Amino acid sequence: MTLYQLSFLGDAVFELMVREHLISKNIVKLNDLQKFTLDFVTAKRQAYFVDMLTSSKILTFEEEEIIRKGRNLKTHKSPKNCDIVTYKYATAFEILIGFLYVNDKKRLSEVFDFIIKL
């Protein structure tokens, strides 16, 4: 799978995980669900997650390499609502999520549990 494909997959997987988490918290108003989901899936927030994951030292060497490769990936579009650096870190985050979804769902759950507590 290419990094672009992992990013595409990771974006969808992460949003689904966030939505499932919010529903498990018994949030029932659609507007609230949408608002809280956006708190997690924006590029700025995903870039923050990368910073917290890397600074906490919980990532494996392989996961850090995935983030590095994702951050250095050539982008084919310019971001609308953030600067290019933030966009690259958000893309790296999505690639990590996609990579873990494909290769190690248990580890994905561990990383998600860390993120959800931030």
N, C-alpha and C. Protein backbone atom coordinates (compact mmCIF):
# COMPACT_ATOMS: atom_id res chain seq x y z
N MET A 1 0.85 -1.18 0.00
CA MET A 1 0.00 0.00 0.00
C MET A 1 0.90 1.24 0.00
N THR A 2 0.53 2.25 -0.78
CA THR A 2 1.32 3.47 -0.83
C THR A 2 1.02 4.36 0.37
N LEU A 3 1.88 5.32 0.60
CA LEU A 3 1.65 6.28 1.68
C LEU A 3 0.38 7.09 1.43
N TYR A 4 0.12 7.40 0.17
CA TYR A 4 -1.10 8.14 -0.17
C TYR A 4 -2.34 7.31 0.19
N GLN A 5 -2.29 6.04 -0.10
CA GLN A 5 -3.41 5.16 0.23
C GLN A 5 -3.57 5.01 1.74
N LEU A 6 -2.45 4.91 2.45
CA LEU A 6 -2.51 4.82 3.91
C LEU A 6 -3.10 6.10 4.51
N SER A 7 -2.76 7.24 3.93
CA SER A 7 -3.31 8.51 4.40
C SER A 7 -4.82 8.54 4.18
N PHE A 8 -5.25 8.14 3.02
CA PHE A 8 -6.67 8.10 2.68
C PHE A 8 -7.42 7.19 3.65
N LEU A 9 -6.87 6.01 3.88
CA LEU A 9 -7.48 5.05 4.80
C LEU A 9 -7.44 5.57 6.23
N GLY A 10 -6.29 6.09 6.65
CA GLY A 10 -6.13 6.58 8.02
C GLY A 10 -7.10 7.69 8.36
N ASP A 11 -7.36 8.56 7.41
CA ASP A 11 -8.31 9.65 7.61
C ASP A 11 -9.69 9.08 7.95
N ALA A 12 -10.14 8.11 7.18
CA ALA A 12 -11.45 7.50 7.41
C ALA A 12 -11.49 6.70 8.71
N VAL A 13 -10.45 5.93 8.97
CA VAL A 13 -10.41 5.10 10.18
C VAL A 13 -10.42 5.97 11.43
N PHE A 14 -9.61 7.03 11.43
CA PHE A 14 -9.54 7.88 12.61
C PHE A 14 -10.88 8.56 12.87
N GLU A 15 -11.52 9.07 11.82
CA GLU A 15 -12.81 9.73 12.02
C GLU A 15 -13.84 8.74 12.55
N LEU A 16 -13.84 7.53 12.04
CA LEU A 16 -14.77 6.50 12.53
C LEU A 16 -14.48 6.18 14.00
N MET A 17 -13.21 6.06 14.36
CA MET A 17 -12.87 5.77 15.75
C MET A 17 -13.32 6.90 16.67
N VAL A 18 -13.13 8.13 16.24
CA VAL A 18 -13.57 9.28 17.04
C VAL A 18 -15.08 9.26 17.19
N ARG A 19 -15.79 9.01 16.10
CA ARG A 19 -17.25 8.98 16.16
C ARG A 19 -17.75 7.87 17.10
N GLU A 20 -17.14 6.69 17.01
CA GLU A 20 -17.52 5.60 17.90
C GLU A 20 -17.25 5.96 19.35
N HIS A 21 -16.12 6.61 19.60
CA HIS A 21 -15.78 7.03 20.96
C HIS A 21 -16.82 8.02 21.50
N LEU A 22 -17.20 8.99 20.68
CA LEU A 22 -18.17 9.99 21.13
C LEU A 22 -19.54 9.36 21.39
N ILE A 23 -19.94 8.44 20.54
CA ILE A 23 -21.21 7.75 20.76
C ILE A 23 -21.16 6.93 22.05
N SER A 24 -20.00 6.33 22.33
CA SER A 24 -19.87 5.55 23.57
C SER A 24 -19.97 6.44 24.81
N LYS A 25 -19.72 7.73 24.64
CA LYS A 25 -19.86 8.69 25.74
C LYS A 25 -21.30 9.16 25.89
N ASN A 26 -22.20 8.57 25.10
CA ASN A 26 -23.63 8.84 25.14
C ASN A 26 -23.97 10.27 24.74
N ILE A 27 -23.22 10.82 23.83
CA ILE A 27 -23.56 12.13 23.25
C ILE A 27 -24.60 11.86 22.17
N VAL A 28 -25.78 12.46 22.30
CA VAL A 28 -26.87 12.12 21.40
C VAL A 28 -27.25 13.23 20.42
N LYS A 29 -26.94 14.47 20.74
CA LYS A 29 -27.30 15.56 19.83
C LYS A 29 -26.34 15.56 18.64
N LEU A 30 -26.92 15.58 17.45
CA LEU A 30 -26.13 15.54 16.24
C LEU A 30 -25.16 16.71 16.14
N ASN A 31 -25.60 17.90 16.51
CA ASN A 31 -24.71 19.06 16.46
C ASN A 31 -23.51 18.89 17.39
N ASP A 32 -23.75 18.33 18.57
CA ASP A 32 -22.66 18.08 19.51
C ASP A 32 -21.69 17.04 18.97
N LEU A 33 -22.24 15.98 18.39
CA LEU A 33 -21.38 14.94 17.80
C LEU A 33 -20.49 15.52 16.71
N GLN A 34 -21.08 16.35 15.86
CA GLN A 34 -20.31 16.96 14.78
C GLN A 34 -19.24 17.90 15.32
N LYS A 35 -19.61 18.72 16.29
CA LYS A 35 -18.66 19.68 16.88
C LYS A 35 -17.49 18.96 17.55
N PHE A 36 -17.78 17.95 18.34
CA PHE A 36 -16.72 17.22 19.04
C PHE A 36 -15.85 16.43 18.07
N THR A 37 -16.45 15.91 17.01
CA THR A 37 -15.67 15.20 15.99
C THR A 37 -14.67 16.15 15.35
N LEU A 38 -15.12 17.35 15.02
CA LEU A 38 -14.22 18.33 14.40
C LEU A 38 -13.08 18.73 15.33
N ASP A 39 -13.30 18.62 16.63
CA ASP A 39 -12.22 18.91 17.58
C ASP A 39 -11.05 17.94 17.42
N PHE A 40 -11.30 16.78 16.86
CA PHE A 40 -10.27 15.75 16.72
C PHE A 40 -9.71 15.64 15.31
N VAL A 41 -10.49 15.94 14.30
CA VAL A 41 -10.08 15.60 12.94
C VAL A 41 -9.52 16.76 12.13
N THR A 42 -9.33 17.91 12.74
CA THR A 42 -8.73 19.02 12.00
C THR A 42 -7.23 18.79 11.84
N ALA A 43 -6.67 19.38 10.81
CA ALA A 43 -5.23 19.24 10.56
C ALA A 43 -4.42 19.76 11.74
N LYS A 44 -4.84 20.87 12.31
CA LYS A 44 -4.11 21.45 13.44
C LYS A 44 -4.09 20.48 14.63
N ARG A 45 -5.21 19.88 14.89
CA ARG A 45 -5.30 18.94 16.02
C ARG A 45 -4.48 17.67 15.75
N GLN A 46 -4.53 17.17 14.51
CA GLN A 46 -3.77 15.98 14.17
C GLN A 46 -2.27 16.25 14.23
N ALA A 47 -1.85 17.45 13.84
CA ALA A 47 -0.44 17.82 13.97
C ALA A 47 -0.04 17.83 15.45
N TYR A 48 -0.93 18.31 16.30
CA TYR A 48 -0.70 18.30 17.74
C TYR A 48 -0.54 16.87 18.25
N PHE A 49 -1.38 15.96 17.75
CA PHE A 49 -1.27 14.55 18.16
C PHE A 49 0.10 13.98 17.80
N VAL A 50 0.60 14.30 16.62
CA VAL A 50 1.93 13.83 16.22
C VAL A 50 2.97 14.36 17.19
N ASP A 51 2.88 15.62 17.54
CA ASP A 51 3.84 16.22 18.48
C ASP A 51 3.79 15.52 19.83
N MET A 52 2.59 15.25 20.32
CA MET A 52 2.45 14.58 21.61
C MET A 52 2.93 13.13 21.56
N LEU A 53 2.64 12.44 20.48
CA LEU A 53 3.09 11.05 20.34
C LEU A 53 4.60 10.96 20.28
N THR A 54 5.22 11.85 19.52
CA THR A 54 6.68 11.78 19.38
C THR A 54 7.39 12.26 20.66
N SER A 55 6.85 13.27 21.29
CA SER A 55 7.51 13.78 22.50
C SER A 55 7.32 12.84 23.70
N SER A 56 6.26 12.04 23.68
CA SER A 56 6.01 11.13 24.80
C SER A 56 6.85 9.87 24.73
N LYS A 57 7.45 9.63 23.57
CA LYS A 57 8.33 8.47 23.37
C LYS A 57 7.57 7.14 23.43
N ILE A 58 6.28 7.15 23.11
CA ILE A 58 5.54 5.88 23.13
C ILE A 58 5.57 5.16 21.78
N LEU A 59 6.01 5.86 20.75
CA LEU A 59 6.04 5.25 19.42
C LEU A 59 7.25 4.34 19.26
N THR A 60 7.09 3.30 18.49
CA THR A 60 8.21 2.42 18.15
C THR A 60 9.06 3.11 17.09
N PHE A 61 10.24 2.57 16.85
CA PHE A 61 11.10 3.12 15.80
C PHE A 61 10.39 3.08 14.46
N GLU A 62 9.71 1.97 14.17
CA GLU A 62 9.00 1.82 12.90
C GLU A 62 7.89 2.87 12.76
N GLU A 63 7.16 3.13 13.83
CA GLU A 63 6.10 4.13 13.81
C GLU A 63 6.67 5.53 13.61
N GLU A 64 7.80 5.82 14.24
CA GLU A 64 8.45 7.11 14.04
C GLU A 64 8.91 7.27 12.59
N GLU A 65 9.38 6.19 11.99
CA GLU A 65 9.80 6.22 10.58
C GLU A 65 8.60 6.47 9.67
N ILE A 66 7.47 5.88 9.98
CA ILE A 66 6.25 6.11 9.20
C ILE A 66 5.88 7.59 9.27
N ILE A 67 5.96 8.17 10.44
CA ILE A 67 5.65 9.60 10.59
C ILE A 67 6.64 10.44 9.80
N ARG A 68 7.92 10.10 9.89
CA ARG A 68 8.94 10.86 9.15
C ARG A 68 8.68 10.80 7.64
N LYS A 69 8.41 9.60 7.14
CA LYS A 69 8.14 9.44 5.71
C LYS A 69 6.87 10.20 5.31
N GLY A 70 5.87 10.14 6.16
CA GLY A 70 4.62 10.85 5.87
C GLY A 70 4.80 12.35 5.88
N ARG A 71 5.58 12.83 6.80
CA ARG A 71 5.84 14.27 6.90
C ARG A 71 6.59 14.77 5.67
N ASN A 72 7.46 13.93 5.12
CA ASN A 72 8.26 14.32 3.96
C ASN A 72 7.60 14.00 2.62
N LEU A 73 6.40 13.45 2.66
CA LEU A 73 5.69 13.08 1.44
C LEU A 73 5.35 14.32 0.63
N LYS A 74 5.55 14.23 -0.66
CA LYS A 74 5.22 15.35 -1.54
C LYS A 74 3.70 15.50 -1.58
N THR A 75 3.23 16.71 -1.35
CA THR A 75 1.80 16.95 -1.35
C THR A 75 1.33 17.35 -2.74
N HIS A 76 0.12 16.92 -3.07
CA HIS A 76 -0.44 17.21 -4.39
C HIS A 76 -1.49 18.32 -4.35
N LYS A 77 -1.75 18.81 -3.17
CA LYS A 77 -2.69 19.92 -3.06
C LYS A 77 -2.23 20.84 -1.95
N SER A 78 -2.66 22.07 -2.02
CA SER A 78 -2.30 22.99 -0.96
C SER A 78 -3.43 23.03 0.07
N PRO A 79 -3.06 23.15 1.31
CA PRO A 79 -4.08 23.14 2.37
C PRO A 79 -4.94 24.39 2.32
N LYS A 80 -6.20 24.24 2.74
CA LYS A 80 -7.13 25.37 2.74
C LYS A 80 -7.08 26.16 4.04
N ASN A 81 -7.06 25.43 5.16
CA ASN A 81 -7.27 26.10 6.45
C ASN A 81 -6.07 26.04 7.38
N CYS A 82 -4.89 25.72 6.84
CA CYS A 82 -3.71 25.67 7.71
C CYS A 82 -2.45 25.86 6.86
N ASP A 83 -1.34 26.04 7.54
CA ASP A 83 -0.08 26.19 6.83
C ASP A 83 0.42 24.83 6.36
N ILE A 84 1.39 24.84 5.47
CA ILE A 84 1.87 23.61 4.85
C ILE A 84 2.53 22.67 5.86
N VAL A 85 3.22 23.20 6.86
CA VAL A 85 3.89 22.36 7.86
C VAL A 85 2.84 21.60 8.68
N THR A 86 1.82 22.29 9.13
CA THR A 86 0.75 21.65 9.88
C THR A 86 0.09 20.57 9.03
N TYR A 87 -0.14 20.88 7.77
CA TYR A 87 -0.77 19.93 6.85
C TYR A 87 0.09 18.67 6.69
N LYS A 88 1.40 18.84 6.59
CA LYS A 88 2.30 17.69 6.44
C LYS A 88 2.29 16.81 7.70
N TYR A 89 2.25 17.42 8.86
CA TYR A 89 2.18 16.63 10.10
C TYR A 89 0.84 15.92 10.22
N ALA A 90 -0.24 16.57 9.80
CA ALA A 90 -1.55 15.92 9.82
C ALA A 90 -1.58 14.74 8.86
N THR A 91 -0.96 14.90 7.70
CA THR A 91 -0.87 13.80 6.75
C THR A 91 -0.07 12.65 7.34
N ALA A 92 1.02 12.96 8.00
CA ALA A 92 1.84 11.93 8.65
C ALA A 92 1.02 11.18 9.70
N PHE A 93 0.20 11.90 10.44
CA PHE A 93 -0.67 11.27 11.43
C PHE A 93 -1.64 10.30 10.77
N GLU A 94 -2.27 10.75 9.69
CA GLU A 94 -3.22 9.88 8.98
C GLU A 94 -2.53 8.64 8.43
N ILE A 95 -1.31 8.80 7.95
CA ILE A 95 -0.55 7.65 7.44
C ILE A 95 -0.26 6.67 8.57
N LEU A 96 0.12 7.19 9.73
CA LEU A 96 0.36 6.32 10.88
C LEU A 96 -0.90 5.53 11.25
N ILE A 97 -2.03 6.21 11.29
CA ILE A 97 -3.29 5.54 11.63
C ILE A 97 -3.61 4.47 10.58
N GLY A 98 -3.46 4.80 9.32
CA GLY A 98 -3.70 3.82 8.25
C GLY A 98 -2.77 2.64 8.34
N PHE A 99 -1.49 2.91 8.61
CA PHE A 99 -0.49 1.86 8.75
C PHE A 99 -0.84 0.91 9.89
N LEU A 100 -1.20 1.48 11.04
CA LEU A 100 -1.56 0.65 12.19
C LEU A 100 -2.85 -0.13 11.94
N TYR A 101 -3.78 0.47 11.26
CA TYR A 101 -5.03 -0.23 10.94
C TYR A 101 -4.76 -1.47 10.09
N VAL A 102 -3.88 -1.33 9.13
CA VAL A 102 -3.57 -2.44 8.23
C VAL A 102 -2.72 -3.50 8.93
N ASN A 103 -1.78 -3.07 9.78
CA ASN A 103 -0.77 -3.98 10.31
C ASN A 103 -0.95 -4.43 11.75
N ASP A 104 -1.59 -3.61 12.60
CA ASP A 104 -1.63 -3.96 14.02
C ASP A 104 -2.78 -3.21 14.71
N LYS A 105 -3.97 -3.78 14.65
CA LYS A 105 -5.14 -3.11 15.22
C LYS A 105 -5.05 -2.96 16.74
N LYS A 106 -4.37 -3.88 17.40
CA LYS A 106 -4.18 -3.76 18.85
C LYS A 106 -3.34 -2.52 19.16
N ARG A 107 -2.29 -2.32 18.41
CA ARG A 107 -1.43 -1.15 18.60
C ARG A 107 -2.19 0.13 18.23
N LEU A 108 -3.01 0.06 17.21
CA LEU A 108 -3.84 1.20 16.84
C LEU A 108 -4.73 1.60 18.01
N SER A 109 -5.30 0.64 18.66
CA SER A 109 -6.15 0.90 19.82
C SER A 109 -5.36 1.56 20.95
N GLU A 110 -4.13 1.10 21.17
CA GLU A 110 -3.27 1.70 22.20
C GLU A 110 -2.96 3.16 21.87
N VAL A 111 -2.62 3.43 20.63
CA VAL A 111 -2.30 4.80 20.21
C VAL A 111 -3.55 5.67 20.32
N PHE A 112 -4.69 5.15 19.90
CA PHE A 112 -5.93 5.91 20.00
C PHE A 112 -6.26 6.22 21.46
N ASP A 113 -6.09 5.25 22.34
CA ASP A 113 -6.35 5.48 23.77
C ASP A 113 -5.47 6.59 24.32
N PHE A 114 -4.22 6.65 23.88
CA PHE A 114 -3.32 7.74 24.30
C PHE A 114 -3.85 9.07 23.79
N ILE A 115 -4.23 9.12 22.53
CA ILE A 115 -4.68 10.36 21.91
C ILE A 115 -5.96 10.87 22.55
N ILE A 116 -6.88 9.99 22.82
CA ILE A 116 -8.19 10.38 23.32
C ILE A 116 -8.09 11.01 24.71
N LYS A 117 -7.01 10.74 25.42
CA LYS A 117 -6.81 11.30 26.76
C LYS A 117 -6.18 12.69 26.74
N LEU A 118 -5.73 13.13 25.56
CA LEU A 118 -5.08 14.44 25.47
C LEU A 118 -6.06 15.58 25.58
